[in-house]
Amino acid sequence: MTAENTFQIWHGSRRWDGAPEIQPAKKGRAEWGAGIYGSTHFETCTGYAKGGGKVQLLTIQNTRVLEKSCLPLEVVIDYIKRFVPKPLRATLIGDCEDIAERVRDTVVLNRDPVGPQSEGTTWLPADILRNLIVNFDLSSGVRGVNLARFFAEQGIGVSLDKGGSQAGEKWLVVYDPQLIVSWKGHTYESAKEIGHVLTAPEPHTTESVIYLRPVSQYSSLSMDR
């Protein structure tokens, strides 16, 4: 694996114990779903490290990006049936079906399909599912971890979009912690050598990921946002 296949992002947290894992998010703190949140801006991450935490420089393998991917509608519906509370299932499935129908003619022109394209497959932008889960207040606790795990199982490792209050800032959410190759704590001064503002990453790839770290399970949820 070369530097061309990885990118770096800052991450701030109050706790860090062992290898990176996703911890269930508290209610109202999972705007992009449960995951390991990062920023191109060091100063943004210092706010999340207050109270005895630290800012880490994460090196992450390239992966599928949520906003550039689309999923088969039947796969999304299966997820909803398994993990969404029964009273909300019909509403979420209806929303997904309506959106998938509206974008039917253009979605695969703008997004990379997850899985082979075959006649009759209906595709849904992958971030639509995430947005619906967040909007219906289902992204905290174990449900949020289940969503991150689902994306990771589909090969979608991160979400990347504009965020924060700084000009040009990019926020990233890691849904597959196994993609994090290394992590190293930094002070304000040591971060200067790297750059308090990192270049916005371009991690999207449709190639299958060969993990550089041994595969671990979602058993030890030890990292906060």
Protein backbone atom coordinates (compact mmCIF):
# COMPACT_ATOMS: atom_id res chain seq x y z
CA MET A 1 0.00 0.00 0.00
CA THR A 2 1.47 3.35 -1.03
CA ALA A 3 0.69 6.91 -0.02
CA GLU A 4 -1.41 7.14 -3.20
CA ASN A 5 -3.86 4.66 -1.67
CA THR A 6 -4.25 6.45 1.67
CA PHE A 7 -5.13 9.90 2.94
CA GLN A 8 -4.94 11.75 6.25
CA ILE A 9 -7.47 13.55 8.41
CA TRP A 10 -7.52 15.08 11.89
CA HIS A 11 -9.69 13.54 14.61
CA GLY A 12 -10.39 14.86 18.11
CA SER A 13 -11.85 12.83 20.97
CA ARG A 14 -11.87 12.65 24.76
CA ARG A 15 -11.25 8.92 24.83
CA TRP A 16 -9.01 6.63 22.84
CA ASP A 17 -8.31 3.13 24.07
CA GLY A 18 -6.68 0.61 21.77
CA ALA A 19 -7.53 0.14 18.12
CA PRO A 20 -10.19 2.45 16.63
CA GLU A 21 -13.77 1.26 17.03
CA ILE A 22 -17.13 2.93 16.58
CA GLN A 23 -18.97 3.85 19.74
CA PRO A 24 -22.75 4.38 19.77
CA ALA A 25 -23.42 8.08 19.41
CA LYS A 26 -25.46 10.03 21.93
CA LYS A 27 -28.78 11.43 20.78
CA GLY A 28 -28.27 14.55 18.67
CA ARG A 29 -24.59 13.85 18.04
CA ALA A 30 -24.73 11.78 14.88
CA GLU A 31 -25.53 14.28 12.15
CA TRP A 32 -23.93 11.98 9.57
CA GLY A 33 -24.60 8.73 11.35
CA ALA A 34 -22.49 6.95 13.95
CA GLY A 35 -18.83 6.79 13.01
CA ILE A 36 -15.40 8.23 13.64
CA TYR A 37 -15.61 11.90 12.76
CA GLY A 38 -12.70 13.86 11.33
CA SER A 39 -11.90 17.21 9.75
CA THR A 40 -9.30 18.73 7.49
CA HIS A 41 -8.88 21.43 10.18
CA PHE A 42 -6.88 20.77 13.34
CA GLU A 43 -8.58 23.57 15.27
CA THR A 44 -12.03 22.04 14.75
CA CYS A 45 -10.84 18.78 16.28
CA THR A 46 -9.38 20.46 19.36
CA GLY A 47 -12.94 21.31 20.42
CA TYR A 48 -13.85 17.60 20.53
CA ALA A 49 -10.67 16.81 22.48
CA LYS A 50 -11.37 19.15 25.40
CA GLY A 51 -11.52 17.55 28.81
CA GLY A 52 -8.39 15.43 28.73
CA GLY A 53 -8.58 14.14 25.17
CA LYS A 54 -6.25 14.55 22.25
CA VAL A 55 -6.13 15.24 18.54
CA GLN A 56 -4.98 12.37 16.36
CA LEU A 57 -3.71 12.30 12.81
CA LEU A 58 -5.45 9.37 11.12
CA THR A 59 -4.07 7.65 8.04
CA ILE A 60 -6.93 5.95 6.21
CA GLN A 61 -7.13 3.66 3.20
CA ASN A 62 -9.04 4.81 0.15
CA THR A 63 -12.53 3.37 -0.06
CA ARG A 64 -15.96 3.92 -1.51
CA VAL A 65 -17.41 7.29 -0.51
CA LEU A 66 -21.07 7.32 0.53
CA GLU A 67 -21.98 10.40 -1.49
CA LYS A 68 -20.56 8.88 -4.67
CA SER A 69 -22.24 5.48 -4.38
CA CYS A 70 -25.66 3.97 -4.97
CA LEU A 71 -27.17 0.82 -3.53
CA PRO A 72 -29.71 -1.65 -4.92
CA LEU A 73 -33.10 -0.64 -3.56
CA GLU A 74 -33.84 -4.22 -2.49
CA VAL A 75 -30.70 -4.21 -0.30
CA VAL A 76 -31.80 -0.95 1.34
CA ILE A 77 -35.31 -2.28 1.96
CA ASP A 78 -33.88 -5.43 3.53
CA TYR A 79 -31.81 -3.26 5.89
CA ILE A 80 -34.90 -1.23 6.86
CA LYS A 81 -36.91 -4.37 7.55
CA ARG A 82 -34.18 -5.72 9.82
CA PHE A 83 -33.11 -2.62 11.75
CA VAL A 84 -35.81 0.06 11.64
CA PRO A 85 -38.61 -0.03 14.25
CA LYS A 86 -41.75 -1.57 12.81
CA PRO A 87 -43.96 1.58 13.08
CA LEU A 88 -41.53 3.49 10.82
CA ARG A 89 -40.67 0.81 8.26
CA ALA A 90 -43.47 1.50 5.78
CA THR A 91 -42.76 5.23 5.78
CA LEU A 92 -39.02 4.81 5.19
CA ILE A 93 -39.52 2.19 2.52
CA GLY A 94 -42.05 4.43 0.76
CA ASP A 95 -39.65 7.38 0.86
CA CYS A 96 -36.83 5.25 -0.58
CA GLU A 97 -39.06 3.89 -3.35
CA ASP A 98 -40.25 7.39 -4.31
CA ILE A 99 -36.72 8.80 -4.47
CA ALA A 100 -35.37 5.79 -6.36
CA GLU A 101 -38.10 6.21 -8.95
CA ARG A 102 -37.36 9.93 -9.36
CA VAL A 103 -33.65 9.35 -10.01
CA ARG A 104 -34.04 6.10 -11.94
CA ASP A 105 -32.77 7.52 -15.26
CA THR A 106 -29.76 9.40 -13.89
CA VAL A 107 -28.53 7.75 -10.70
CA VAL A 108 -25.96 5.40 -12.24
CA LEU A 109 -24.63 8.24 -14.35
CA ASN A 110 -23.73 10.21 -11.22
CA ARG A 111 -23.01 7.41 -8.70
CA ASP A 112 -20.99 4.23 -8.75
CA PRO A 113 -23.26 1.22 -8.19
CA VAL A 114 -22.39 -1.16 -5.36
CA GLY A 115 -22.56 -4.53 -7.05
CA PRO A 116 -23.06 -5.54 -10.69
CA GLN A 117 -25.46 -3.64 -12.88
CA SER A 118 -28.24 -5.84 -14.17
CA GLU A 119 -31.43 -5.16 -16.05
CA GLY A 120 -34.31 -4.31 -13.77
CA THR A 121 -32.22 -3.26 -10.76
CA THR A 122 -33.47 -0.10 -9.08
CA TRP A 123 -30.76 2.02 -7.46
CA LEU A 124 -30.89 4.45 -4.54
CA PRO A 125 -28.22 7.06 -3.71
CA ALA A 126 -26.50 5.60 -0.65
CA ASP A 127 -26.58 8.83 1.35
CA ILE A 128 -30.38 8.92 1.09
CA LEU A 129 -30.59 5.99 3.49
CA ARG A 130 -28.21 7.71 5.91
CA ASN A 131 -30.15 10.97 5.71
CA LEU A 132 -33.48 9.25 6.36
CA ILE A 133 -32.08 7.35 9.34
CA VAL A 134 -30.74 10.62 10.79
CA ASN A 135 -33.93 12.57 10.06
CA PHE A 136 -36.05 9.93 11.78
CA ASP A 137 -33.74 10.13 14.82
CA LEU A 138 -32.51 6.57 14.41
CA SER A 139 -28.76 7.24 14.20
CA SER A 140 -27.89 7.14 17.90
CA GLY A 141 -27.17 4.12 20.09
CA VAL A 142 -26.91 0.62 18.68
CA ARG A 143 -29.01 1.53 15.62
CA GLY A 144 -26.33 3.98 14.54
CA VAL A 145 -23.61 1.36 14.90
CA ASN A 146 -25.72 -1.05 12.84
CA LEU A 147 -25.95 1.52 10.05
CA ALA A 148 -22.18 2.06 10.03
CA ARG A 149 -21.65 -1.70 9.96
CA PHE A 150 -24.12 -2.04 7.07
CA PHE A 151 -22.25 0.55 5.00
CA ALA A 152 -18.93 -1.12 5.78
CA GLU A 153 -20.34 -4.48 4.68
CA GLN A 154 -21.34 -2.89 1.36
CA GLY A 155 -17.79 -1.62 0.90
CA ILE A 156 -18.73 1.99 1.69
CA GLY A 157 -16.12 3.10 4.18
CA VAL A 158 -16.55 6.84 4.63
CA SER A 159 -18.76 9.86 4.13
CA LEU A 160 -17.12 13.06 2.90
CA ASP A 161 -18.71 16.47 2.48
CA LYS A 162 -18.45 20.13 3.38
CA GLY A 163 -18.75 20.84 7.07
CA GLY A 164 -17.66 22.93 10.01
CA SER A 165 -17.39 26.67 10.24
CA GLN A 166 -14.01 27.12 8.56
CA ALA A 167 -13.69 28.18 4.92
CA GLY A 168 -13.02 25.18 2.71
CA GLU A 169 -13.33 22.71 5.59
CA LYS A 170 -14.22 19.09 4.83
CA TRP A 171 -15.71 16.69 7.33
CA LEU A 172 -15.24 12.97 7.08
CA VAL A 173 -17.01 10.12 8.89
CA VAL A 174 -15.38 6.70 8.95
CA TYR A 175 -17.96 3.90 8.89
CA ASP A 176 -15.36 1.13 8.59
CA PRO A 177 -12.71 1.59 11.34
CA GLN A 178 -10.58 -1.19 9.86
CA LEU A 179 -9.62 1.29 7.12
CA ILE A 180 -7.65 3.34 9.65
CA VAL A 181 -4.07 2.26 9.10
CA SER A 182 -2.43 4.37 11.80
CA TRP A 183 -3.22 7.03 14.39
CA LYS A 184 -0.86 9.37 16.19
CA GLY A 185 -1.53 12.07 18.76
CA HIS A 186 -0.37 15.63 18.12
CA THR A 187 -0.02 18.86 20.02
CA TYR A 188 -0.73 22.26 18.54
CA GLU A 189 2.98 22.72 17.90
CA SER A 190 3.73 19.28 16.44
CA ALA A 191 0.71 19.59 14.14
CA LYS A 192 2.29 22.66 12.55
CA GLU A 193 4.89 20.45 10.91
CA ILE A 194 2.12 18.54 9.14
CA GLY A 195 -0.26 21.44 8.59
CA HIS A 196 -3.17 22.55 10.72
CA VAL A 197 -5.23 22.56 7.52
CA LEU A 198 -4.92 19.41 5.45
CA THR A 199 -5.63 19.12 1.76
CA ALA A 200 -9.17 17.89 1.18
CA PRO A 201 -8.92 14.14 0.49
CA GLU A 202 -10.17 12.36 -2.60
CA PRO A 203 -10.55 8.84 -1.21
CA HIS A 204 -13.21 7.43 -3.54
CA THR A 205 -12.40 4.14 -5.24
CA THR A 206 -14.45 1.18 -6.40
CA GLU A 207 -11.57 -1.27 -5.97
CA SER A 208 -11.91 -3.92 -3.29
CA VAL A 209 -10.06 -3.00 -0.12
CA ILE A 210 -7.26 -5.21 1.14
CA TYR A 211 -6.95 -4.22 4.78
CA LEU A 212 -3.52 -3.33 6.07
CA ARG A 213 -4.52 -4.10 9.66
CA PRO A 214 -5.83 -7.48 10.84
CA VAL A 215 -9.61 -7.58 10.64
CA SER A 216 -11.25 -6.96 14.01
CA GLN A 217 -14.84 -7.28 15.17
CA TYR A 218 -17.27 -4.62 16.39
CA SER A 219 -16.97 -5.94 19.93
CA SER A 220 -15.07 -3.21 21.73
CA LEU A 221 -16.74 0.16 21.24
CA SER A 222 -14.06 2.33 22.74
CA MET A 223 -13.87 5.51 20.68
CA ASP A 224 -16.16 8.50 21.05
CA ARG A 225 -17.00 11.08 18.42
